[in-house]
Amino acid sequence: MQGLDVEKPIVCYCTTGKRSKEAAMMLKEAYPHAQVYSLKRGIQHLMDGQA
C-alpha cells in the first residue's frame, strides 16, 4: 500500500460494496488510526436511482 496518504480520509468503493468493505477492513487493520470509509451498497445502488 505504498503511496497511500493515511493522514487523509480514505474512501473505498466498488460496484456492489462487497469488495470495498473488505478493502476498508484490510486498510483499517493495517492503519488503525486512519479514517477509512466504504460506500455501503456500492456505486450501482447510487446509479439505480439516477436512471
N, C-alpha and C. Protein backbone atom coordinates (compact mmCIF):
# COMPACT_ATOMS: atom_id res chain seq x y z
N MET A 1 0.84 -1.17 0.00
CA MET A 1 0.00 0.00 0.00
C MET A 1 0.88 1.24 0.00
N GLN A 2 1.88 1.15 -0.81
CA GLN A 2 2.84 2.22 -0.94
C GLN A 2 2.18 3.43 -1.60
N GLY A 3 2.50 4.60 -1.12
CA GLY A 3 1.98 5.82 -1.71
C GLY A 3 0.62 6.25 -1.17
N LEU A 4 0.08 5.52 -0.23
CA LEU A 4 -1.22 5.83 0.35
C LEU A 4 -1.03 6.85 1.46
N ASP A 5 -1.71 7.98 1.38
CA ASP A 5 -1.62 9.02 2.41
C ASP A 5 -2.67 8.75 3.47
N VAL A 6 -2.26 8.11 4.57
CA VAL A 6 -3.21 7.74 5.61
C VAL A 6 -3.54 8.90 6.55
N GLU A 7 -2.96 10.05 6.28
CA GLU A 7 -3.30 11.25 7.05
C GLU A 7 -4.59 11.88 6.53
N LYS A 8 -5.01 11.47 5.34
CA LYS A 8 -6.26 11.98 4.75
C LYS A 8 -7.30 10.86 4.80
N PRO A 9 -8.59 11.21 4.82
CA PRO A 9 -9.63 10.17 4.79
C PRO A 9 -9.53 9.32 3.52
N ILE A 10 -9.81 8.04 3.66
CA ILE A 10 -9.74 7.11 2.54
C ILE A 10 -11.14 6.56 2.30
N VAL A 11 -11.60 6.65 1.05
CA VAL A 11 -12.92 6.14 0.68
C VAL A 11 -12.74 5.00 -0.31
N CYS A 12 -13.30 3.85 0.02
CA CYS A 12 -13.27 2.69 -0.86
C CYS A 12 -14.65 2.52 -1.48
N TYR A 13 -14.68 2.18 -2.77
CA TYR A 13 -15.97 1.91 -3.41
C TYR A 13 -15.79 0.90 -4.53
N CYS A 14 -16.86 0.21 -4.82
CA CYS A 14 -16.90 -0.75 -5.92
C CYS A 14 -18.34 -0.81 -6.41
N THR A 15 -18.65 -1.73 -7.26
CA THR A 15 -19.98 -1.82 -7.84
C THR A 15 -21.06 -2.15 -6.82
N THR A 16 -20.82 -3.18 -6.00
CA THR A 16 -21.87 -3.63 -5.08
C THR A 16 -21.58 -3.34 -3.61
N GLY A 17 -20.36 -2.95 -3.28
CA GLY A 17 -20.00 -2.64 -1.91
C GLY A 17 -19.30 -3.77 -1.17
N LYS A 18 -19.28 -4.96 -1.75
CA LYS A 18 -18.66 -6.10 -1.06
C LYS A 18 -17.14 -6.00 -1.03
N ARG A 19 -16.54 -5.73 -2.19
CA ARG A 19 -15.07 -5.64 -2.25
C ARG A 19 -14.56 -4.41 -1.51
N SER A 20 -15.31 -3.31 -1.59
CA SER A 20 -14.85 -2.11 -0.90
C SER A 20 -14.92 -2.29 0.61
N LYS A 21 -15.89 -3.05 1.09
CA LYS A 21 -15.98 -3.34 2.52
C LYS A 21 -14.76 -4.14 2.98
N GLU A 22 -14.39 -5.14 2.19
CA GLU A 22 -13.21 -5.96 2.51
C GLU A 22 -11.94 -5.11 2.46
N ALA A 23 -11.83 -4.28 1.45
CA ALA A 23 -10.65 -3.42 1.33
C ALA A 23 -10.56 -2.45 2.50
N ALA A 24 -11.69 -1.88 2.89
CA ALA A 24 -11.70 -0.95 4.02
C ALA A 24 -11.28 -1.65 5.31
N MET A 25 -11.74 -2.88 5.49
CA MET A 25 -11.35 -3.63 6.70
C MET A 25 -9.85 -3.92 6.70
N MET A 26 -9.29 -4.26 5.54
CA MET A 26 -7.86 -4.51 5.44
C MET A 26 -7.05 -3.24 5.72
N LEU A 27 -7.51 -2.13 5.18
CA LEU A 27 -6.82 -0.86 5.41
C LEU A 27 -6.88 -0.46 6.88
N LYS A 28 -8.04 -0.63 7.48
CA LYS A 28 -8.21 -0.28 8.89
C LYS A 28 -7.32 -1.16 9.78
N GLU A 29 -7.16 -2.42 9.39
CA GLU A 29 -6.29 -3.32 10.14
C GLU A 29 -4.83 -2.89 10.01
N ALA A 30 -4.44 -2.50 8.82
CA ALA A 30 -3.05 -2.09 8.57
C ALA A 30 -2.75 -0.72 9.15
N TYR A 31 -3.76 0.17 9.14
CA TYR A 31 -3.59 1.54 9.62
C TYR A 31 -4.72 1.87 10.59
N PRO A 32 -4.63 1.44 11.84
CA PRO A 32 -5.73 1.59 12.80
C PRO A 32 -6.18 3.03 13.05
N HIS A 33 -5.30 3.99 12.86
CA HIS A 33 -5.67 5.38 13.14
C HIS A 33 -6.19 6.12 11.91
N ALA A 34 -6.21 5.46 10.77
CA ALA A 34 -6.68 6.10 9.54
C ALA A 34 -8.21 6.18 9.53
N GLN A 35 -8.71 7.21 8.86
CA GLN A 35 -10.16 7.34 8.66
C GLN A 35 -10.48 6.62 7.35
N VAL A 36 -11.11 5.46 7.45
CA VAL A 36 -11.40 4.62 6.29
C VAL A 36 -12.90 4.43 6.17
N TYR A 37 -13.42 4.66 4.97
CA TYR A 37 -14.85 4.55 4.71
C TYR A 37 -15.09 3.64 3.52
N SER A 38 -16.23 2.96 3.53
CA SER A 38 -16.65 2.12 2.42
C SER A 38 -18.05 2.55 2.01
N LEU A 39 -18.27 2.71 0.71
CA LEU A 39 -19.58 3.10 0.21
C LEU A 39 -20.53 1.91 0.32
N LYS A 40 -21.43 2.00 1.27
CA LYS A 40 -22.38 0.92 1.54
C LYS A 40 -23.28 0.70 0.32
N ARG A 41 -23.41 -0.54 -0.09
CA ARG A 41 -24.23 -0.98 -1.22
C ARG A 41 -23.67 -0.57 -2.58
N GLY A 42 -22.54 0.10 -2.61
CA GLY A 42 -21.79 0.35 -3.84
C GLY A 42 -22.34 1.42 -4.78
N ILE A 43 -21.59 1.62 -5.85
CA ILE A 43 -21.93 2.61 -6.87
C ILE A 43 -23.22 2.23 -7.59
N GLN A 44 -23.43 0.95 -7.83
CA GLN A 44 -24.61 0.52 -8.58
C GLN A 44 -25.88 0.99 -7.89
N HIS A 45 -25.92 0.95 -6.57
CA HIS A 45 -27.10 1.41 -5.84
C HIS A 45 -27.36 2.89 -6.11
N LEU A 46 -26.30 3.67 -6.15
CA LEU A 46 -26.45 5.10 -6.46
C LEU A 46 -26.94 5.31 -7.89
N MET A 47 -26.38 4.55 -8.82
CA MET A 47 -26.74 4.70 -10.23
C MET A 47 -28.18 4.24 -10.50
N ASP A 48 -28.66 3.26 -9.75
CA ASP A 48 -30.04 2.78 -9.97
C ASP A 48 -31.04 3.90 -9.73
N GLY A 49 -30.76 4.79 -8.82
CA GLY A 49 -31.65 5.90 -8.53
C GLY A 49 -31.52 7.04 -9.52
N GLN A 50 -30.50 7.01 -10.38
CA GLN A 50 -30.24 8.09 -11.32
C GLN A 50 -30.83 7.85 -12.70
N ALA A 51 -31.26 6.64 -12.98
CA ALA A 51 -31.69 6.29 -14.36
C ALA A 51 -32.96 6.98 -14.77
